[in-house]
Amino acid sequence: MKQREPSGLWVYEIPCPPQAPSPPPPRASRVVVGTMAVVGVLVAGCLAFLAVAFYEYADHDRLEFIEDDTILFAINPVCAEVERLGDQIARPAEDLERRRVQVDAVLAAARPIPATVLALDDDVLDGDQPARAWAADWERVIDALTVYRQSLDDDPETAVFRMPSTEDGYTLTFRMDTAVEGCVLPAAIESLAEDPPRSAAEAEHANGLD
């Protein structure tokens, strides 16, 4: 087709063939959509399960640790006194009279520890199960040290401090110190035991060899 412009020139116009309409975008398969929906539900469920499990783990009562703030707040002052004595006693005195004084001081400081724990409400102790067992450990150690102290008066030549042990053969103080870090019989007094159960250092060494 041609037409004449005002300038007098002939201009040819070539008509373009009609274009076919663009095909609609492919629709996602119903199977794919369904699979993605199922996967999404499973992922959401797993995330929810992990969140609940993490919360329960963070909130559960770990049997080897005392974690209740009420218990820790109550025993902090009496534990601090035992720790203070431990810092003062670098080693057991060779002089028997001096040793008697050292043991008497530790016993006086240690006896309030189990009593303080067991005086708390049952609801508090029930919520942190290691508390009663830890107090019982302290009572066993205090009893053993009391026997030793009495033997210093009765027969100092044969006086022997026998450190109580756990069921699996470790010093009781090893377990006690795990439950409440730093609140344990002073090392100088603990070393009085001539044939103690395995110590924490021995346990660590043995585990390293396994």
N, C-alpha and C. Protein backbone atom coordinates (compact mmCIF):
# COMPACT_ATOMS: atom_id res chain seq x y z
N MET A 1 0.85 -1.18 0.00
CA MET A 1 0.00 0.00 0.00
C MET A 1 0.89 1.23 0.00
N LYS A 2 0.51 2.21 -0.86
CA LYS A 2 1.30 3.43 -0.88
C LYS A 2 0.38 4.63 -0.77
N GLN A 3 0.95 5.67 -0.25
CA GLN A 3 0.20 6.92 -0.15
C GLN A 3 1.16 8.07 -0.37
N ARG A 4 0.57 9.16 -0.82
CA ARG A 4 1.41 10.31 -1.18
C ARG A 4 1.42 11.30 -0.03
N GLU A 5 2.64 11.67 0.35
CA GLU A 5 2.80 12.65 1.43
C GLU A 5 2.61 14.05 0.87
N PRO A 6 2.37 14.98 1.78
CA PRO A 6 2.23 16.37 1.29
C PRO A 6 3.45 16.85 0.55
N SER A 7 4.60 16.25 0.85
CA SER A 7 5.83 16.69 0.18
C SER A 7 5.89 16.23 -1.27
N GLY A 8 4.97 15.39 -1.63
CA GLY A 8 4.96 14.89 -2.99
C GLY A 8 5.61 13.55 -3.15
N LEU A 9 6.22 13.04 -2.08
CA LEU A 9 6.87 11.74 -2.16
C LEU A 9 5.88 10.66 -1.86
N TRP A 10 6.12 9.54 -2.53
CA TRP A 10 5.27 8.38 -2.25
C TRP A 10 5.91 7.56 -1.14
N VAL A 11 5.11 7.23 -0.15
CA VAL A 11 5.60 6.41 0.99
C VAL A 11 4.84 5.11 0.97
N TYR A 12 5.62 4.04 1.03
CA TYR A 12 5.01 2.71 1.03
C TYR A 12 4.88 2.21 2.46
N GLU A 13 3.75 1.75 2.81
CA GLU A 13 3.53 1.14 4.13
C GLU A 13 3.31 -0.35 3.92
N ILE A 14 4.16 -1.13 4.62
CA ILE A 14 4.06 -2.59 4.54
C ILE A 14 3.33 -3.08 5.78
N PRO A 15 2.15 -3.61 5.60
CA PRO A 15 1.40 -4.06 6.78
C PRO A 15 2.09 -5.25 7.43
N CYS A 16 2.16 -5.25 8.80
CA CYS A 16 2.75 -6.37 9.56
C CYS A 16 1.71 -7.45 9.73
N PRO A 17 2.17 -8.69 9.61
CA PRO A 17 1.20 -9.78 9.81
C PRO A 17 0.76 -9.81 11.26
N PRO A 18 -0.47 -10.18 11.49
CA PRO A 18 -0.95 -10.22 12.89
C PRO A 18 -0.16 -11.24 13.69
N GLN A 19 0.19 -10.85 14.95
CA GLN A 19 0.96 -11.73 15.84
C GLN A 19 0.01 -12.65 16.60
N ALA A 20 0.50 -13.85 16.75
CA ALA A 20 -0.30 -14.80 17.52
C ALA A 20 -0.27 -14.40 18.99
N PRO A 21 -1.36 -14.57 19.70
CA PRO A 21 -1.38 -14.20 21.13
C PRO A 21 -0.40 -15.05 21.91
N SER A 22 0.24 -14.40 22.95
CA SER A 22 1.21 -15.13 23.81
C SER A 22 0.47 -16.20 24.59
N PRO A 23 1.10 -17.37 24.69
CA PRO A 23 0.45 -18.44 25.47
C PRO A 23 0.42 -18.08 26.95
N PRO A 24 -0.60 -18.44 27.64
CA PRO A 24 -0.66 -18.13 29.08
C PRO A 24 0.46 -18.85 29.81
N PRO A 25 0.97 -18.26 30.92
CA PRO A 25 2.05 -18.91 31.68
C PRO A 25 1.58 -20.27 32.17
N PRO A 26 2.50 -21.23 32.14
CA PRO A 26 2.10 -22.58 32.57
C PRO A 26 1.67 -22.60 34.03
N ARG A 27 0.64 -23.32 34.28
CA ARG A 27 0.16 -23.45 35.65
C ARG A 27 0.96 -24.52 36.39
N ALA A 28 1.26 -24.24 37.66
CA ALA A 28 1.99 -25.21 38.46
C ALA A 28 1.18 -26.47 38.63
N SER A 29 1.87 -27.54 38.59
CA SER A 29 1.20 -28.82 38.76
C SER A 29 0.53 -28.90 40.12
N ARG A 30 -0.65 -29.47 40.14
CA ARG A 30 -1.33 -29.63 41.42
C ARG A 30 -0.55 -30.53 42.37
N VAL A 31 0.15 -31.50 41.79
CA VAL A 31 0.95 -32.39 42.63
C VAL A 31 2.08 -31.61 43.32
N VAL A 32 2.75 -30.73 42.54
CA VAL A 32 3.84 -29.94 43.10
C VAL A 32 3.33 -29.02 44.20
N VAL A 33 2.20 -28.37 43.91
CA VAL A 33 1.63 -27.46 44.91
C VAL A 33 1.26 -28.23 46.17
N GLY A 34 0.65 -29.39 46.00
CA GLY A 34 0.28 -30.18 47.17
C GLY A 34 1.50 -30.63 47.96
N THR A 35 2.55 -31.05 47.24
CA THR A 35 3.77 -31.48 47.92
C THR A 35 4.40 -30.35 48.72
N MET A 36 4.43 -29.15 48.09
CA MET A 36 5.01 -28.00 48.80
C MET A 36 4.21 -27.66 50.05
N ALA A 37 2.90 -27.80 49.96
CA ALA A 37 2.06 -27.51 51.13
C ALA A 37 2.34 -28.49 52.25
N VAL A 38 2.47 -29.78 51.89
CA VAL A 38 2.76 -30.80 52.91
C VAL A 38 4.12 -30.55 53.55
N VAL A 39 5.12 -30.24 52.70
CA VAL A 39 6.47 -29.96 53.22
C VAL A 39 6.44 -28.77 54.17
N GLY A 40 5.69 -27.74 53.78
CA GLY A 40 5.59 -26.56 54.64
C GLY A 40 4.99 -26.90 56.00
N VAL A 41 3.94 -27.72 55.98
CA VAL A 41 3.32 -28.12 57.26
C VAL A 41 4.30 -28.91 58.10
N LEU A 42 5.05 -29.85 57.47
CA LEU A 42 6.01 -30.65 58.22
C LEU A 42 7.12 -29.80 58.81
N VAL A 43 7.63 -28.85 58.03
CA VAL A 43 8.69 -27.97 58.53
C VAL A 43 8.20 -27.15 59.71
N ALA A 44 7.00 -26.60 59.57
CA ALA A 44 6.44 -25.81 60.67
C ALA A 44 6.26 -26.67 61.92
N GLY A 45 5.80 -27.91 61.72
CA GLY A 45 5.63 -28.81 62.87
C GLY A 45 6.94 -29.14 63.54
N CYS A 46 7.98 -29.40 62.72
CA CYS A 46 9.30 -29.69 63.29
C CYS A 46 9.85 -28.50 64.08
N LEU A 47 9.69 -27.31 63.52
CA LEU A 47 10.17 -26.12 64.23
C LEU A 47 9.45 -25.93 65.56
N ALA A 48 8.14 -26.18 65.55
CA ALA A 48 7.38 -26.05 66.79
C ALA A 48 7.83 -27.09 67.80
N PHE A 49 8.08 -28.33 67.34
CA PHE A 49 8.55 -29.38 68.25
C PHE A 49 9.89 -29.03 68.85
N LEU A 50 10.83 -28.55 68.01
CA LEU A 50 12.15 -28.17 68.50
C LEU A 50 12.07 -27.04 69.51
N ALA A 51 11.18 -26.08 69.26
CA ALA A 51 11.03 -24.98 70.20
C ALA A 51 10.54 -25.46 71.55
N VAL A 52 9.55 -26.35 71.54
CA VAL A 52 9.03 -26.90 72.79
C VAL A 52 10.09 -27.73 73.50
N ALA A 53 10.82 -28.56 72.76
CA ALA A 53 11.85 -29.41 73.35
C ALA A 53 12.96 -28.57 73.97
N PHE A 54 13.36 -27.50 73.27
CA PHE A 54 14.41 -26.63 73.80
C PHE A 54 13.94 -25.95 75.08
N TYR A 55 12.69 -25.50 75.09
CA TYR A 55 12.17 -24.84 76.30
C TYR A 55 12.13 -25.80 77.47
N GLU A 56 11.68 -27.04 77.20
CA GLU A 56 11.60 -28.01 78.29
C GLU A 56 12.98 -28.38 78.80
N TYR A 57 13.97 -28.49 77.90
CA TYR A 57 15.32 -28.82 78.34
C TYR A 57 15.90 -27.68 79.17
N ALA A 58 15.69 -26.45 78.71
CA ALA A 58 16.24 -25.31 79.45
C ALA A 58 15.57 -25.15 80.80
N ASP A 59 14.32 -25.63 80.91
CA ASP A 59 13.56 -25.41 82.12
C ASP A 59 13.54 -26.63 83.04
N HIS A 60 14.10 -27.78 82.58
CA HIS A 60 13.95 -28.97 83.40
C HIS A 60 14.98 -29.00 84.53
N ASP A 61 14.74 -29.84 85.52
CA ASP A 61 15.58 -29.94 86.70
C ASP A 61 16.72 -30.91 86.42
N ARG A 62 17.93 -30.40 86.19
CA ARG A 62 19.08 -31.25 85.93
C ARG A 62 19.57 -31.85 87.24
N LEU A 63 19.66 -33.15 87.30
CA LEU A 63 19.85 -33.86 88.56
C LEU A 63 21.23 -33.68 89.15
N GLU A 64 22.20 -33.19 88.40
CA GLU A 64 23.54 -33.03 88.96
C GLU A 64 23.82 -31.63 89.49
N PHE A 65 22.91 -30.67 89.22
CA PHE A 65 23.15 -29.29 89.62
C PHE A 65 22.02 -28.77 90.52
N ILE A 66 22.40 -27.94 91.48
CA ILE A 66 21.42 -27.17 92.24
C ILE A 66 21.31 -25.81 91.58
N GLU A 67 20.12 -25.46 91.11
CA GLU A 67 19.96 -24.26 90.30
C GLU A 67 18.93 -23.29 90.84
N ASP A 68 18.14 -23.69 91.83
CA ASP A 68 17.09 -22.84 92.34
C ASP A 68 17.71 -21.64 93.09
N ASP A 69 17.31 -20.45 92.70
CA ASP A 69 17.88 -19.24 93.30
C ASP A 69 17.59 -19.14 94.79
N THR A 70 16.44 -19.66 95.22
CA THR A 70 16.11 -19.62 96.65
C THR A 70 17.11 -20.43 97.46
N ILE A 71 17.45 -21.61 96.95
CA ILE A 71 18.42 -22.46 97.65
C ILE A 71 19.81 -21.83 97.62
N LEU A 72 20.22 -21.38 96.45
CA LEU A 72 21.55 -20.78 96.33
C LEU A 72 21.70 -19.54 97.20
N PHE A 73 20.66 -18.72 97.24
CA PHE A 73 20.70 -17.52 98.07
C PHE A 73 20.83 -17.88 99.55
N ALA A 74 20.16 -18.96 99.96
CA ALA A 74 20.18 -19.36 101.36
C ALA A 74 21.54 -19.90 101.78
N ILE A 75 22.20 -20.65 100.89
CA ILE A 75 23.46 -21.28 101.28
C ILE A 75 24.69 -20.44 100.99
N ASN A 76 24.53 -19.37 100.23
CA ASN A 76 25.71 -18.57 99.88
C ASN A 76 26.49 -18.08 101.10
N PRO A 77 25.83 -17.54 102.14
CA PRO A 77 26.60 -17.06 103.30
C PRO A 77 27.37 -18.17 104.02
N VAL A 78 26.74 -19.32 104.24
CA VAL A 78 27.43 -20.40 104.96
C VAL A 78 28.52 -21.02 104.10
N CYS A 79 28.29 -21.09 102.79
CA CYS A 79 29.33 -21.59 101.90
C CYS A 79 30.52 -20.64 101.86
N ALA A 80 30.25 -19.36 101.92
CA ALA A 80 31.33 -18.37 101.90
C ALA A 80 32.23 -18.52 103.11
N GLU A 81 31.67 -18.88 104.24
CA GLU A 81 32.48 -19.07 105.45
C GLU A 81 33.39 -20.28 105.32
N VAL A 82 32.87 -21.37 104.76
CA VAL A 82 33.71 -22.55 104.54
C VAL A 82 34.82 -22.23 103.53
N GLU A 83 34.47 -21.48 102.50
CA GLU A 83 35.48 -21.11 101.51
C GLU A 83 36.55 -20.21 102.13
N ARG A 84 36.14 -19.31 103.01
CA ARG A 84 37.11 -18.43 103.68
C ARG A 84 38.10 -19.25 104.50
N LEU A 85 37.59 -20.24 105.23
CA LEU A 85 38.47 -21.10 106.01
C LEU A 85 39.40 -21.89 105.11
N GLY A 86 38.88 -22.34 103.99
CA GLY A 86 39.72 -23.10 103.07
C GLY A 86 40.90 -22.28 102.56
N ASP A 87 40.66 -20.98 102.34
CA ASP A 87 41.75 -20.12 101.89
C ASP A 87 42.80 -19.92 102.98
N GLN A 88 42.38 -20.00 104.23
CA GLN A 88 43.31 -19.79 105.34
C GLN A 88 44.13 -21.03 105.67
N ILE A 89 43.57 -22.20 105.40
CA ILE A 89 44.25 -23.44 105.75
C ILE A 89 45.00 -23.93 104.52
N ALA A 90 46.27 -23.59 104.45
CA ALA A 90 47.06 -24.00 103.29
C ALA A 90 47.36 -25.48 103.34
N ARG A 91 47.58 -26.00 104.52
CA ARG A 91 47.85 -27.43 104.70
C ARG A 91 47.48 -27.80 106.13
N PRO A 92 47.17 -29.06 106.37
CA PRO A 92 46.87 -29.47 107.75
C PRO A 92 48.08 -29.25 108.66
N ALA A 93 47.83 -28.68 109.80
CA ALA A 93 48.92 -28.42 110.73
C ALA A 93 49.50 -29.73 111.26
N GLU A 94 50.84 -29.77 111.40
CA GLU A 94 51.48 -30.95 111.97
C GLU A 94 51.23 -31.01 113.47
N ASP A 95 51.19 -29.86 114.09
CA ASP A 95 50.91 -29.81 115.52
C ASP A 95 49.45 -30.25 115.77
N LEU A 96 49.27 -31.25 116.62
CA LEU A 96 47.94 -31.80 116.82
C LEU A 96 46.97 -30.79 117.38
N GLU A 97 47.43 -29.94 118.28
CA GLU A 97 46.52 -28.95 118.84
C GLU A 97 46.06 -27.97 117.78
N ARG A 98 46.98 -27.57 116.92
CA ARG A 98 46.62 -26.67 115.84
C ARG A 98 45.67 -27.36 114.87
N ARG A 99 45.87 -28.64 114.62
CA ARG A 99 44.99 -29.38 113.73
C ARG A 99 43.59 -29.47 114.34
N ARG A 100 43.51 -29.68 115.63
CA ARG A 100 42.20 -29.72 116.29
C ARG A 100 41.45 -28.41 116.08
N VAL A 101 42.18 -27.30 116.20
CA VAL A 101 41.57 -25.98 116.01
C VAL A 101 41.06 -25.83 114.58
N GLN A 102 41.85 -26.29 113.62
CA GLN A 102 41.45 -26.19 112.21
C GLN A 102 40.18 -27.01 111.95
N VAL A 103 40.18 -28.24 112.40
CA VAL A 103 39.03 -29.11 112.16
C VAL A 103 37.79 -28.58 112.87
N ASP A 104 37.96 -28.08 114.10
CA ASP A 104 36.82 -27.50 114.82
C ASP A 104 36.22 -26.32 114.04
N ALA A 105 37.08 -25.48 113.47
CA ALA A 105 36.59 -24.32 112.73
C ALA A 105 35.82 -24.75 111.49
N VAL A 106 36.33 -25.75 110.78
CA VAL A 106 35.65 -26.21 109.57
C VAL A 106 34.32 -26.87 109.93
N LEU A 107 34.29 -27.66 110.99
CA LEU A 107 33.04 -28.29 111.41
C LEU A 107 32.00 -27.25 111.80
N ALA A 108 32.43 -26.23 112.52
CA ALA A 108 31.49 -25.18 112.94
C ALA A 108 30.91 -24.44 111.73
N ALA A 109 31.73 -24.26 110.69
CA ALA A 109 31.25 -23.56 109.50
C ALA A 109 30.41 -24.46 108.62
N ALA A 110 30.72 -25.78 108.61
CA ALA A 110 30.05 -26.70 107.67
C ALA A 110 28.70 -27.17 108.19
N ARG A 111 28.54 -27.31 109.49
CA ARG A 111 27.29 -27.88 110.02
C ARG A 111 26.05 -27.10 109.60
N PRO A 112 26.09 -25.77 109.50
CA PRO A 112 24.88 -25.05 109.07
C PRO A 112 24.48 -25.28 107.62
N ILE A 113 25.37 -25.83 106.79
CA ILE A 113 25.05 -25.96 105.37
C ILE A 113 23.89 -26.92 105.14
N PRO A 114 23.98 -28.20 105.56
CA PRO A 114 22.82 -29.07 105.34
C PRO A 114 21.59 -28.62 106.10
N ALA A 115 21.79 -28.07 107.27
CA ALA A 115 20.64 -27.59 108.05
C ALA A 115 19.92 -26.46 107.33
N THR A 116 20.67 -25.57 106.71
CA THR A 116 20.07 -24.46 105.97
C THR A 116 19.25 -24.96 104.80
N VAL A 117 19.77 -25.95 104.09
CA VAL A 117 19.04 -26.50 102.93
C VAL A 117 17.75 -27.18 103.39
N LEU A 118 17.85 -28.05 104.36
CA LEU A 118 16.70 -28.84 104.79
C LEU A 118 15.65 -28.02 105.50
N ALA A 119 15.99 -26.80 105.92
CA ALA A 119 15.01 -25.92 106.57
C ALA A 119 14.12 -25.21 105.56
N LEU A 120 14.44 -25.30 104.27
CA LEU A 120 13.64 -24.64 103.25
C LEU A 120 12.33 -25.39 103.04
N ASP A 121 11.37 -24.71 102.42
CA ASP A 121 10.06 -25.32 102.18
C ASP A 121 10.19 -26.53 101.27
N ASP A 122 9.29 -27.49 101.50
CA ASP A 122 9.30 -28.70 100.68
C ASP A 122 9.08 -28.39 99.21
N ASP A 123 8.26 -27.38 98.92
CA ASP A 123 8.01 -27.02 97.52
C ASP A 123 9.29 -26.61 96.82
N VAL A 124 10.14 -25.90 97.54
CA VAL A 124 11.42 -25.46 96.96
C VAL A 124 12.33 -26.66 96.73
N LEU A 125 12.42 -27.53 97.72
CA LEU A 125 13.31 -28.68 97.61
C LEU A 125 12.80 -29.68 96.58
N ASP A 126 11.49 -29.84 96.49
CA ASP A 126 10.93 -30.76 95.50
C ASP A 126 11.20 -30.27 94.08
N GLY A 127 11.30 -28.96 93.90
CA GLY A 127 11.53 -28.40 92.58
C GLY A 127 12.98 -28.49 92.13
N ASP A 128 13.90 -28.80 93.04
CA ASP A 128 15.31 -28.93 92.69
C ASP A 128 15.84 -30.18 93.38
N GLN A 129 15.64 -31.32 92.74
CA GLN A 129 15.82 -32.62 93.39
C GLN A 129 17.22 -32.86 93.98
N PRO A 130 18.31 -32.35 93.39
CA PRO A 130 19.62 -32.64 93.99
C PRO A 130 19.82 -32.01 95.37
N ALA A 131 18.96 -31.08 95.76
CA ALA A 131 19.20 -30.32 96.99
C ALA A 131 19.27 -31.23 98.22
N ARG A 132 18.29 -32.09 98.38
CA ARG A 132 18.29 -32.97 99.56
C ARG A 132 19.48 -33.93 99.54
N ALA A 133 19.79 -34.48 98.37
CA ALA A 133 20.93 -35.40 98.27
C ALA A 133 22.24 -34.68 98.57
N TRP A 134 22.34 -33.43 98.13
CA TRP A 134 23.55 -32.64 98.41
C TRP A 134 23.68 -32.38 99.90
N ALA A 135 22.57 -32.07 100.55
CA ALA A 135 22.59 -31.87 102.01
C ALA A 135 22.99 -33.17 102.71
N ALA A 136 22.49 -34.30 102.21
CA ALA A 136 22.85 -35.59 102.81
C ALA A 136 24.35 -35.88 102.63
N ASP A 137 24.91 -35.49 101.47
CA ASP A 137 26.36 -35.65 101.26
C ASP A 137 27.14 -34.85 102.29
N TRP A 138 26.71 -33.62 102.50
CA TRP A 138 27.37 -32.79 103.50
C TRP A 138 27.29 -33.44 104.88
N GLU A 139 26.16 -34.01 105.21
CA GLU A 139 26.02 -34.66 106.52
C GLU A 139 26.97 -35.84 106.65
N ARG A 140 27.13 -36.61 105.59
CA ARG A 140 28.06 -37.75 105.63
C ARG A 140 29.50 -37.29 105.83
N VAL A 141 29.88 -36.23 105.12
CA VAL A 141 31.24 -35.71 105.26
C VAL A 141 31.45 -35.14 106.66
N ILE A 142 30.47 -34.41 107.16
CA ILE A 142 30.56 -33.83 108.51
C ILE A 142 30.67 -34.94 109.55
N ASP A 143 29.88 -36.01 109.37
CA ASP A 143 29.96 -37.13 110.32
C ASP A 143 31.35 -37.77 110.31
N ALA A 144 31.90 -37.96 109.10
CA ALA A 144 33.23 -38.57 109.00
C ALA A 144 34.29 -37.67 109.62
N LEU A 145 34.16 -36.37 109.41
CA LEU A 145 35.14 -35.44 109.98
C LEU A 145 34.97 -35.35 111.50
N THR A 146 33.74 -35.49 111.98
CA THR A 146 33.50 -35.48 113.42
C THR A 146 34.15 -36.69 114.08
N VAL A 147 34.04 -37.85 113.43
CA VAL A 147 34.69 -39.05 113.95
C VAL A 147 36.20 -38.85 114.01
N TYR A 148 36.75 -38.26 112.97
CA TYR A 148 38.19 -38.01 112.96
C TYR A 148 38.58 -37.02 114.06
N ARG A 149 37.77 -36.00 114.22
CA ARG A 149 38.08 -35.01 115.27
C ARG A 149 38.06 -35.65 116.65
N GLN A 150 37.12 -36.52 116.89
CA GLN A 150 37.05 -37.20 118.18
C GLN A 150 38.26 -38.10 118.38
N SER A 151 38.72 -38.72 117.30
CA SER A 151 39.88 -39.61 117.41
C SER A 151 41.15 -38.83 117.72
N LEU A 152 41.19 -37.55 117.35
CA LEU A 152 42.35 -36.73 117.70
C LEU A 152 42.46 -36.55 119.21
N ASP A 153 41.34 -36.62 119.90
CA ASP A 153 41.35 -36.55 121.36
C ASP A 153 41.58 -37.93 121.98
N ASP A 154 40.94 -38.93 121.43
CA ASP A 154 40.98 -40.26 122.04
C ASP A 154 42.29 -40.99 121.77
N ASP A 155 42.73 -40.99 120.54
CA ASP A 155 43.94 -41.74 120.18
C ASP A 155 44.58 -41.08 118.96
N PRO A 156 45.25 -39.96 119.15
CA PRO A 156 45.78 -39.21 118.01
C PRO A 156 46.79 -39.99 117.18
N GLU A 157 47.44 -40.98 117.73
CA GLU A 157 48.44 -41.73 116.99
C GLU A 157 47.81 -42.58 115.89
N THR A 158 46.58 -42.98 116.09
CA THR A 158 45.91 -43.83 115.09
C THR A 158 44.75 -43.11 114.39
N ALA A 159 44.63 -41.81 114.63
CA ALA A 159 43.52 -41.05 114.04
C ALA A 159 43.64 -41.03 112.52
N VAL A 160 42.56 -41.41 111.86
CA VAL A 160 42.52 -41.45 110.39
C VAL A 160 41.20 -40.83 109.93
N PHE A 161 41.31 -39.92 108.99
CA PHE A 161 40.10 -39.35 108.39
C PHE A 161 39.76 -40.16 107.15
N ARG A 162 38.59 -40.76 107.13
CA ARG A 162 38.15 -41.57 105.99
C ARG A 162 37.08 -40.81 105.21
N MET A 163 37.46 -40.38 104.03
CA MET A 163 36.53 -39.62 103.18
C MET A 163 35.46 -40.55 102.62
N PRO A 164 34.19 -40.22 102.81
CA PRO A 164 33.12 -41.04 102.21
C PRO A 164 33.21 -41.01 100.68
N SER A 165 32.70 -42.05 100.06
CA SER A 165 32.77 -42.15 98.61
C SER A 165 31.38 -42.27 98.00
N THR A 166 31.31 -41.99 96.72
CA THR A 166 30.07 -42.17 95.96
C THR A 166 29.92 -43.64 95.59
N GLU A 167 28.77 -43.98 95.02
CA GLU A 167 28.52 -45.37 94.65
C GLU A 167 29.48 -45.86 93.57
N ASP A 168 29.98 -44.92 92.74
CA ASP A 168 30.88 -45.32 91.66
C ASP A 168 32.35 -45.04 91.99
N GLY A 169 32.65 -44.83 93.27
CA GLY A 169 34.04 -44.83 93.70
C GLY A 169 34.79 -43.52 93.62
N TYR A 170 34.10 -42.40 93.69
CA TYR A 170 34.75 -41.09 93.71
C TYR A 170 34.58 -40.46 95.09
N THR A 171 35.43 -39.48 95.39
CA THR A 171 35.24 -38.77 96.64
C THR A 171 33.87 -38.09 96.65
N LEU A 172 33.24 -38.11 97.80
CA LEU A 172 31.92 -37.48 97.90
C LEU A 172 32.01 -35.99 97.59
N THR A 173 33.12 -35.38 97.96
CA THR A 173 33.29 -33.95 97.72
C THR A 173 33.35 -33.63 96.24
N PHE A 174 33.76 -34.59 95.41
CA PHE A 174 33.76 -34.39 93.95
C PHE A 174 32.34 -34.15 93.47
N ARG A 175 31.41 -34.98 93.93
CA ARG A 175 30.01 -34.81 93.54
C ARG A 175 29.42 -33.53 94.15
N MET A 176 29.80 -33.24 95.38
CA MET A 176 29.27 -32.05 96.04
C MET A 176 29.67 -30.77 95.31
N ASP A 177 30.93 -30.73 94.89
CA ASP A 177 31.42 -29.53 94.21
C ASP A 177 30.80 -29.38 92.83
N THR A 178 30.40 -30.49 92.22
CA THR A 178 29.71 -30.42 90.93
C THR A 178 28.34 -29.79 91.09
N ALA A 179 27.64 -30.13 92.17
CA ALA A 179 26.28 -29.62 92.39
C ALA A 179 26.28 -28.13 92.66
N VAL A 180 27.21 -27.66 93.50
CA VAL A 180 27.33 -26.24 93.82
C VAL A 180 28.81 -25.90 93.77
N GLU A 181 29.21 -25.24 92.72
CA GLU A 181 30.64 -24.97 92.51
C GLU A 181 31.18 -24.11 93.65
N GLY A 182 32.31 -24.56 94.23
CA GLY A 182 32.99 -23.77 95.25
C GLY A 182 32.52 -24.03 96.66
N CYS A 183 31.40 -24.70 96.84
CA CYS A 183 30.89 -24.97 98.19
C CYS A 183 31.23 -26.41 98.54
N VAL A 184 32.44 -26.61 99.06
CA VAL A 184 32.92 -27.96 99.31
C VAL A 184 33.91 -27.92 100.47
N LEU A 185 34.18 -29.07 101.03
CA LEU A 185 35.14 -29.16 102.12
C LEU A 185 36.49 -28.62 101.66
N PRO A 186 37.15 -27.80 102.48
CA PRO A 186 38.46 -27.26 102.08
C PRO A 186 39.43 -28.38 101.70
N ALA A 187 40.20 -28.14 100.65
CA ALA A 187 41.10 -29.17 100.13
C ALA A 187 42.12 -29.60 101.18
N ALA A 188 42.55 -28.67 102.04
CA ALA A 188 43.54 -29.02 103.07
C ALA A 188 42.97 -30.04 104.05
N ILE A 189 41.70 -29.92 104.36
CA ILE A 189 41.06 -30.89 105.26
C ILE A 189 40.79 -32.19 104.52
N GLU A 190 40.36 -32.08 103.28
CA GLU A 190 40.10 -33.28 102.49
C GLU A 190 41.36 -34.13 102.33
N SER A 191 42.52 -33.47 102.25
CA SER A 191 43.77 -34.19 102.06
C SER A 191 44.19 -34.98 103.28
N LEU A 192 43.51 -34.80 104.41
CA LEU A 192 43.81 -35.59 105.60
C LEU A 192 43.50 -37.07 105.39
N ALA A 193 42.59 -37.36 104.45
CA ALA A 193 42.24 -38.76 104.18
C ALA A 193 43.45 -39.49 103.62
N GLU A 194 43.89 -40.55 104.32
CA GLU A 194 45.09 -41.26 103.90
C GLU A 194 44.86 -42.12 102.66
N ASP A 195 43.67 -42.66 102.53
CA ASP A 195 43.38 -43.53 101.39
C ASP A 195 42.02 -43.13 100.81
N PRO A 196 41.97 -41.94 100.21
CA PRO A 196 40.67 -41.46 99.74
C PRO A 196 40.22 -42.17 98.47
N PRO A 197 38.94 -42.10 98.16
CA PRO A 197 38.48 -42.54 96.83
C PRO A 197 39.10 -41.67 95.75
N ARG A 198 38.77 -41.97 94.52
CA ARG A 198 39.35 -41.20 93.41
C ARG A 198 38.97 -39.74 93.52
N SER A 199 39.90 -38.89 93.19
CA SER A 199 39.65 -37.45 93.22
C SER A 199 39.17 -36.97 91.86
N ALA A 200 38.80 -35.70 91.80
CA ALA A 200 38.37 -35.11 90.53
C ALA A 200 39.50 -35.14 89.51
N ALA A 201 40.73 -34.86 89.97
CA ALA A 201 41.86 -34.86 89.05
C ALA A 201 42.10 -36.26 88.48
N GLU A 202 41.99 -37.28 89.34
CA GLU A 202 42.16 -38.65 88.85
C GLU A 202 41.05 -39.03 87.87
N ALA A 203 39.84 -38.57 88.15
CA ALA A 203 38.72 -38.85 87.26
C ALA A 203 38.96 -38.21 85.89
N GLU A 204 39.42 -36.98 85.89
CA GLU A 204 39.69 -36.29 84.63
C GLU A 204 40.80 -36.99 83.85
N HIS A 205 41.83 -37.45 84.57
CA HIS A 205 42.92 -38.15 83.91
C HIS A 205 42.45 -39.47 83.32
N ALA A 206 41.63 -40.19 84.09
CA ALA A 206 41.12 -41.47 83.61
C ALA A 206 40.25 -41.29 82.38
N ASN A 207 39.42 -40.26 82.39
CA ASN A 207 38.56 -40.00 81.23
C ASN A 207 39.38 -39.65 79.99
N GLY A 208 40.52 -38.99 80.22
CA GLY A 208 41.37 -38.64 79.09
C GLY A 208 42.04 -39.84 78.46
N LEU A 209 42.20 -40.92 79.26
CA LEU A 209 42.83 -42.13 78.72
C LEU A 209 41.84 -43.03 78.02
N ASP A 210 40.54 -42.82 78.25
CA ASP A 210 39.51 -43.69 77.64
C ASP A 210 39.43 -43.46 76.14
